[in-house]
C-alpha cells in the first residue's frame, strides 16, 4: 500500500511537470513572431501591423513607424533584411531579436481614402461663410489633392484651421485643414482653390465718348467677374452713374468704374442758374444761386436770388435747373 501511494504521487507530479512544460515555451522557441501577410489601416505601416506582439511590447513599441503604407489595392513587400535594418535604425534590434521573422512580409492597405468631394464641401462652406455675398455670386473651384490621404476608418471630422490674416477668401485661396478624431488632430494638410466673384454691374450699351453725360439708355446691368476689383470702384445700380460725366471713352459692353467718371460737377457752387418752375404745365423762369456743386439729373440746393428762399432743383444742363411744383 505504501509503495502504491508513492507511485500515485510520482505520477501526479509527472503530469504536472508535463502540463507546465507545454504551457511554457522552450528557450529556443520565440515568445512572438512576425506575420507573413499583414494589413495596414492608414498612411503608415506600424510594428503592431506586422507582428504579433505580447501586451508589454505592443504597448511600448506597437506604434513604431516601419514605412509608408501602400496605396489602396496595392501590396508592399518588406524583406527580412530591410526589417532588420529598419528596427536597428529605431533602436529596436536588440529588443525584438527573439521574434521569428519570415524572409518577406506582404502588406496591403485596408484603410479608406479621404474623398475629394468631402474636402470640397468643407472648402466651399468655409468660403461662403467668410464672404458677405450670396453663394450664387461665388464661383468656387477646389483643386484635388496630389496624393491620396489615407484614414483608418470613417470616425473623423474635417475642419478648416483659422487663417492668420483677415482678408476675405477671394482669388487664389489656400486653406489649412485638419482631420480630427474626438477633437484631437490626426493630420494637417493644405487645400488649394480659386474663388471668383460675379455680380451684376453697370456696363455701357453703346460707344460713349469722353465728356459724355450718361443717360439711362446708355447703361444696363450685366453679370461680370469682379474678383480683382474693389467694391468701391464698381456700380451695381444704373442710378449711381446716370447724370455723371465720363472722363474717358467707354466701349460697348464695357464695365463702368469710378475711374472712368469725371468728378468735375456740371454746375459749380455759387453759380447763377436759370430756375424753371413747372406747375401743371405752367412754366415760369426765375434766377437762383447754387449752394453746392450740381451734377446732371441730380438734385442740387438753390437759393432764389430775390426771395432768398432755399429749395431743391434738378440739374438740367450747365445753366439750368428745374423745379416741378
Protein backbone atom coordinates (compact mmCIF):
# COMPACT_ATOMS: atom_id res chain seq x y z
CA UNK A 1 0.00 0.00 0.00
CA UNK A 2 2.84 2.41 0.86
CA UNK A 3 4.54 1.66 -2.47
CA UNK A 4 1.29 2.19 -4.33
CA UNK A 5 0.78 5.58 -2.65
CA UNK A 6 4.25 6.74 -3.64
CA UNK A 7 3.63 5.67 -7.21
CA UNK A 8 0.45 7.72 -7.40
CA UNK A 9 2.25 10.80 -6.06
CA UNK A 10 5.06 10.44 -8.61
CA UNK A 11 2.52 10.03 -11.41
CA UNK A 12 0.71 13.20 -10.37
CA UNK A 13 3.97 15.17 -10.25
CA UNK A 14 4.92 13.93 -13.72
CA UNK A 15 1.59 15.05 -15.16
CA UNK A 16 2.04 18.49 -13.55
CA UNK A 17 5.54 18.90 -14.97
CA UNK A 18 4.39 17.94 -18.45
CA UNK A 19 1.48 20.39 -18.29
CA UNK A 20 3.75 23.25 -17.23
CA UNK A 21 6.33 22.41 -19.89
CA UNK A 22 3.66 22.52 -22.61
CA UNK A 23 2.32 25.88 -21.39
CA UNK A 24 5.78 27.44 -21.04
CA UNK A 25 7.77 27.85 -24.29
CA UNK A 26 11.18 26.33 -24.64
CA UNK A 27 14.24 28.58 -24.54
CA UNK A 28 14.79 28.28 -28.29
CA UNK A 29 11.08 28.93 -29.08
CA UNK A 30 10.17 32.67 -29.63
CA UNK A 31 7.59 34.39 -27.48
CA UNK A 32 6.12 36.11 -30.57
CA UNK A 33 6.55 36.30 -34.34
CA UNK A 34 6.14 38.50 -37.40
CA UNK A 35 3.26 37.93 -39.79
CA UNK A 36 3.86 36.84 -43.36
CA UNK A 37 0.74 38.68 -44.51
CA UNK A 38 -0.18 41.96 -42.84
CA UNK A 39 -2.70 44.77 -43.23
CA UNK A 40 -2.18 48.49 -42.54
CA UNK A 41 -5.00 50.95 -41.93
CA UNK A 42 -3.87 54.50 -42.52
CA UNK A 43 -0.86 56.16 -44.10
CA UNK A 44 1.87 54.20 -42.31
CA UNK A 45 2.80 50.61 -41.51
CA UNK A 46 3.34 50.25 -37.77
CA UNK A 47 5.08 47.48 -35.85
CA UNK A 48 1.77 46.19 -34.46
CA UNK A 49 0.51 45.80 -38.04
CA UNK A 50 3.22 43.28 -38.98
CA UNK A 51 3.92 41.47 -35.68
CA UNK A 52 2.03 39.53 -33.02
CA UNK A 53 3.47 41.31 -30.01
CA UNK A 54 2.91 40.43 -26.37
CA UNK A 55 0.96 43.09 -24.44
CA UNK A 56 4.00 44.76 -22.86
CA UNK A 57 5.87 45.14 -26.14
CA UNK A 58 2.72 46.16 -28.00
CA UNK A 59 2.15 48.98 -25.53
CA UNK A 60 5.74 50.22 -25.74
CA UNK A 61 6.61 49.77 -29.40
CA UNK A 62 3.40 48.92 -31.28
CA UNK A 63 3.05 52.41 -32.83
CA UNK A 64 6.63 52.47 -34.16
CA UNK A 65 6.52 53.52 -37.84
CA UNK A 66 8.07 50.95 -40.15
CA UNK A 67 7.31 52.51 -43.54
CA UNK A 68 4.64 54.26 -45.59
CA UNK A 69 1.57 52.19 -46.31
CA UNK A 70 0.86 51.10 -49.88
CA UNK A 71 -1.90 52.78 -51.89
CA UNK A 72 -5.30 51.07 -51.69
CA UNK A 73 -5.38 47.94 -53.82
CA UNK A 74 -1.58 47.52 -53.88
CA UNK A 75 0.93 45.43 -51.89
CA UNK A 76 4.28 46.37 -50.37
CA UNK A 77 6.93 43.72 -49.70
CA UNK A 78 9.07 44.20 -46.60
CA UNK A 79 12.12 41.94 -46.73
CA UNK A 80 13.84 40.45 -43.71
CA UNK A 81 16.98 42.47 -44.48
CA UNK A 82 15.02 45.71 -44.65
CA UNK A 83 13.16 45.00 -41.40
CA UNK A 84 16.38 44.25 -39.52
CA UNK A 85 17.88 47.46 -40.86
CA UNK A 86 14.79 49.50 -40.00
CA UNK A 87 14.48 48.06 -36.49
CA UNK A 88 18.15 48.79 -35.93
CA UNK A 89 17.58 52.42 -37.01
CA UNK A 90 14.88 52.76 -34.37
CA UNK A 91 16.97 51.09 -31.67
CA UNK A 92 14.65 48.07 -31.50
CA UNK A 93 17.01 45.45 -32.93
CA UNK A 94 18.02 44.03 -29.56
CA UNK A 95 14.54 44.36 -28.05
CA UNK A 96 12.93 42.36 -30.86
CA UNK A 97 15.75 39.96 -31.66
CA UNK A 98 13.82 36.97 -30.30
CA UNK A 99 10.96 37.39 -32.76
CA UNK A 100 10.60 34.94 -35.60
CA UNK A 101 10.99 36.86 -38.84
CA UNK A 102 9.98 35.42 -42.24
CA UNK A 103 12.01 36.15 -45.39
CA UNK A 104 9.39 38.71 -46.50
CA UNK A 105 6.13 40.26 -45.32
CA UNK A 106 3.37 41.23 -47.74
CA UNK A 107 1.49 44.35 -46.56
CA UNK A 108 -1.82 45.56 -48.01
CA UNK A 109 -3.84 48.70 -47.31
CA UNK A 110 -7.18 48.30 -45.52
CA UNK A 111 -7.84 51.97 -44.73
CA UNK A 112 -10.08 54.42 -46.56
CA UNK A 113 -9.18 57.34 -48.80
CA UNK A 114 -10.45 60.80 -47.86
CA UNK A 115 -12.68 61.69 -50.81
CA UNK A 116 -12.16 64.91 -52.74
CA UNK A 117 -15.87 65.73 -52.57
CA UNK A 118 -15.66 65.73 -48.75
CA UNK A 119 -12.74 68.17 -48.88
CA UNK A 120 -14.54 70.30 -51.49
CA UNK A 121 -17.71 70.53 -49.39
CA UNK A 122 -15.81 71.82 -46.34
CA UNK A 123 -13.80 74.26 -48.50
CA UNK A 124 -16.92 75.71 -50.15
CA UNK A 125 -18.84 76.02 -46.90
CA UNK A 126 -15.99 77.95 -45.28
CA UNK A 127 -15.57 80.32 -48.26
CA UNK A 128 -19.31 81.04 -48.40
CA UNK A 129 -19.46 81.74 -44.66
CA UNK A 130 -16.49 84.11 -44.80
CA UNK A 131 -17.78 86.22 -47.70
CA UNK A 132 -20.66 88.75 -47.48
CA UNK A 133 -22.02 87.91 -50.93
CA UNK A 134 -24.67 85.24 -51.60
CA UNK A 135 -23.40 81.81 -52.69
CA UNK A 136 -24.91 82.40 -56.14
CA UNK A 137 -22.35 85.19 -56.72
CA UNK A 138 -19.38 82.97 -55.86
CA UNK A 139 -17.74 80.51 -58.24
CA UNK A 140 -15.55 78.10 -56.23
CA UNK A 141 -13.07 75.65 -57.75
CA UNK A 142 -11.21 73.24 -55.45
CA UNK A 143 -8.09 71.52 -56.78
CA UNK A 144 -7.81 67.77 -55.98
CA UNK A 145 -5.08 66.52 -53.65
CA UNK A 146 -1.88 65.44 -55.41
CA UNK A 147 -1.56 62.39 -53.14
CA UNK A 148 -4.40 60.43 -51.51
CA UNK A 149 -4.98 60.94 -47.79
CA UNK A 150 -5.47 57.61 -46.04
CA UNK A 151 -7.52 57.09 -42.88
CA UNK A 152 -8.11 54.05 -40.73
CA UNK A 153 -11.91 54.49 -40.63
CA UNK A 154 -14.79 56.95 -41.09
CA UNK A 155 -14.75 58.14 -37.47
CA UNK A 156 -13.30 61.59 -38.14
CA UNK A 157 -14.26 65.23 -38.70
CA UNK A 158 -12.74 67.65 -41.17
CA UNK A 159 -12.28 71.30 -40.25
CA UNK A 160 -10.63 74.44 -41.64
CA UNK A 161 -7.96 75.90 -39.37
CA UNK A 162 -8.44 79.67 -38.80
CA UNK A 163 -6.08 81.65 -41.05
CA UNK A 164 -3.71 84.25 -39.65
CA UNK A 165 -4.90 87.07 -41.92
CA UNK A 166 -8.27 88.80 -42.04
CA UNK A 167 -8.66 89.03 -45.81
CA UNK A 168 -11.74 87.52 -47.40
CA UNK A 169 -11.06 84.30 -49.35
CA UNK A 170 -11.14 85.54 -52.95
CA UNK A 171 -8.91 84.78 -55.92
CA UNK A 172 -6.27 82.10 -55.34
CA UNK A 173 -7.10 80.65 -51.92
CA UNK A 174 -5.07 78.26 -49.75
CA UNK A 175 -6.73 76.79 -46.66
CA UNK A 176 -5.16 74.69 -43.91
CA UNK A 177 -7.37 71.76 -42.96
CA UNK A 178 -7.18 69.27 -40.10
CA UNK A 179 -8.54 65.77 -39.69
CA UNK A 180 -9.82 65.32 -36.13
CA UNK A 181 -10.88 62.30 -34.12
CA UNK A 182 -12.65 63.06 -30.86
CA UNK A 183 -11.32 66.62 -31.03
CA UNK A 184 -7.69 65.58 -31.45
CA UNK A 185 -5.85 66.37 -34.71
CA UNK A 186 -4.71 63.33 -36.67
CA UNK A 187 -3.33 65.09 -39.72
CA UNK A 188 -3.00 68.57 -41.19
CA UNK A 189 -2.82 69.39 -44.90
CA UNK A 190 -3.30 72.26 -47.34
CA UNK A 191 -6.11 72.65 -49.85
CA UNK A 192 -5.77 74.93 -52.86
CA UNK A 193 -8.61 76.52 -54.79
CA UNK A 194 -9.81 79.52 -56.78
CA UNK A 195 -12.75 81.72 -55.77
CA UNK A 196 -14.33 84.12 -58.27
CA UNK A 197 -16.90 86.83 -57.53
CA UNK A 198 -19.53 87.52 -60.20
CA UNK A 199 -22.02 90.38 -59.84
CA UNK A 200 -24.47 92.38 -61.93
CA UNK A 201 -22.63 95.63 -62.62
CA UNK A 202 -23.22 98.69 -64.79
CA UNK A 203 -21.95 98.36 -68.38
CA UNK A 204 -22.25 100.61 -71.41
CA UNK A 205 -24.85 99.78 -74.06
CA UNK A 206 -23.02 101.72 -76.80
CA UNK A 207 -19.82 103.59 -77.54
CA UNK A 208 -19.55 106.58 -75.19
CA UNK A 209 -17.10 109.40 -75.78
CA UNK A 210 -15.22 111.43 -73.15
CA UNK A 211 -17.24 114.30 -71.65
CA UNK A 212 -20.49 112.43 -72.34
CA UNK A 213 -23.15 112.87 -69.70
CA UNK A 214 -24.53 109.39 -69.01
CA UNK A 215 -28.24 108.87 -69.75
CA UNK A 216 -30.43 105.95 -68.59
CA UNK A 217 -30.38 104.36 -72.05
CA UNK A 218 -26.56 104.43 -72.12
CA UNK A 219 -26.13 101.76 -69.45
CA UNK A 220 -27.55 98.44 -68.22
CA UNK A 221 -26.72 95.75 -65.67
CA UNK A 222 -24.61 92.81 -66.89
CA UNK A 223 -23.16 89.91 -64.89
CA UNK A 224 -19.35 90.15 -64.82
CA UNK A 225 -16.34 88.77 -62.94
CA UNK A 226 -15.29 91.44 -60.42
CA UNK A 227 -12.90 89.33 -58.31
CA UNK A 228 -9.95 91.65 -58.76
CA UNK A 229 -11.89 94.91 -58.35
CA UNK A 230 -12.61 96.89 -55.22
CA UNK A 231 -16.30 97.18 -54.41
CA UNK A 232 -15.98 100.96 -54.17
CA UNK A 233 -14.85 101.11 -57.81
CA UNK A 234 -17.85 99.35 -59.38
CA UNK A 235 -21.53 100.24 -59.72
CA UNK A 236 -24.39 97.83 -59.07
CA UNK A 237 -27.23 100.24 -59.99
CA UNK A 238 -27.77 102.43 -63.04
CA UNK A 239 -28.84 105.31 -60.76
CA UNK A 240 -25.27 105.51 -59.48
CA UNK A 241 -23.95 106.71 -62.85
CA UNK A 242 -26.85 108.39 -64.66
CA UNK A 243 -26.12 112.13 -64.84
CA UNK A 244 -22.40 111.62 -64.34
CA UNK A 245 -19.88 112.76 -66.92
CA UNK A 246 -17.29 110.46 -68.44
CA UNK A 247 -13.63 111.38 -68.18
CA UNK A 248 -12.66 108.54 -70.55
CA UNK A 249 -14.30 106.89 -73.52
CA UNK A 250 -16.15 103.62 -72.96
CA UNK A 251 -16.63 100.79 -75.47
CA UNK A 252 -19.91 98.89 -75.92
CA UNK A 253 -20.47 96.27 -73.17
CA UNK A 254 -17.52 97.68 -71.21
CA UNK A 255 -17.89 97.82 -67.43
CA UNK A 256 -18.06 101.30 -65.90
CA UNK A 257 -15.83 102.02 -62.92
CA UNK A 258 -15.29 105.09 -60.79
CA UNK A 259 -12.00 105.75 -62.59
CA UNK A 260 -13.83 106.37 -65.86
CA UNK A 261 -16.07 109.07 -64.45
CA UNK A 262 -15.29 112.73 -64.33
CA UNK A 263 -15.57 114.21 -60.87
CA UNK A 264 -15.98 117.72 -62.26
CA UNK A 265 -19.53 119.00 -61.49
CA UNK A 266 -21.74 120.26 -64.31
CA UNK A 267 -22.64 123.31 -62.18
CA UNK A 268 -20.29 124.65 -59.55
CA UNK A 269 -21.27 126.03 -56.18
CA UNK A 270 -22.13 129.77 -56.23
CA UNK A 271 -23.01 129.90 -59.92
CA UNK A 272 -26.12 131.73 -61.11
CA UNK A 273 -28.56 129.46 -62.94
CA UNK A 274 -31.95 129.72 -64.61
CA UNK A 275 -34.65 128.16 -62.44
CA UNK A 276 -37.56 126.68 -64.36
CA UNK A 277 -40.73 126.33 -62.29
CA UNK A 278 -43.22 123.85 -63.76
CA UNK A 279 -46.71 123.78 -62.20
CA UNK A 280 -49.23 121.68 -64.13
CA UNK A 281 -47.74 122.77 -67.46
CA UNK A 282 -47.44 126.42 -66.46
CA UNK A 283 -43.75 127.27 -66.81
CA UNK A 284 -42.14 130.23 -65.04
CA UNK A 285 -38.46 131.11 -65.21
CA UNK A 286 -36.51 132.91 -62.50
CA UNK A 287 -32.91 133.16 -61.30
CA UNK A 288 -31.11 131.39 -58.47
CA UNK A 289 -27.68 130.71 -56.93
CA UNK A 290 -26.46 127.17 -56.35
CA UNK A 291 -25.41 126.29 -52.79
CA UNK A 292 -23.42 123.24 -53.83
CA UNK A 293 -21.90 121.52 -56.85
CA UNK A 294 -24.52 120.03 -59.18
CA UNK A 295 -24.50 117.01 -61.48
CA UNK A 296 -26.82 116.27 -64.38
CA UNK A 297 -30.05 114.58 -63.34
CA UNK A 298 -29.38 115.03 -59.63
CA UNK A 299 -30.87 117.33 -57.05
CA UNK A 300 -28.99 120.45 -56.03
CA UNK A 301 -29.71 123.11 -53.38
CA UNK A 302 -30.56 126.53 -54.88
CA UNK A 303 -31.40 129.93 -53.32
CA UNK A 304 -33.86 132.25 -55.08
CA UNK A 305 -31.99 135.44 -55.99
CA UNK A 306 -34.95 137.69 -54.97
CA UNK A 307 -36.77 135.92 -52.11
CA UNK A 308 -33.62 134.27 -50.71
CA UNK A 309 -35.60 131.10 -50.13
CA UNK A 310 -33.73 127.78 -50.49
CA UNK A 311 -35.17 124.84 -52.42
CA UNK A 312 -34.17 121.63 -54.24
CA UNK A 313 -33.98 121.53 -58.03
CA UNK A 314 -32.93 119.00 -60.66
CA UNK A 315 -29.91 119.87 -62.80
CA UNK A 316 -30.98 120.02 -66.47
CA UNK A 317 -27.75 121.38 -68.05
CA UNK A 318 -24.78 123.59 -67.19
CA UNK A 319 -27.02 126.69 -66.84
CA UNK A 320 -30.49 125.38 -65.95
CA UNK A 321 -32.22 123.68 -63.03
CA UNK A 322 -35.87 122.62 -62.85
CA UNK A 323 -38.47 122.51 -60.06
CA UNK A 324 -41.75 120.66 -60.52
CA UNK A 325 -44.42 122.07 -58.20
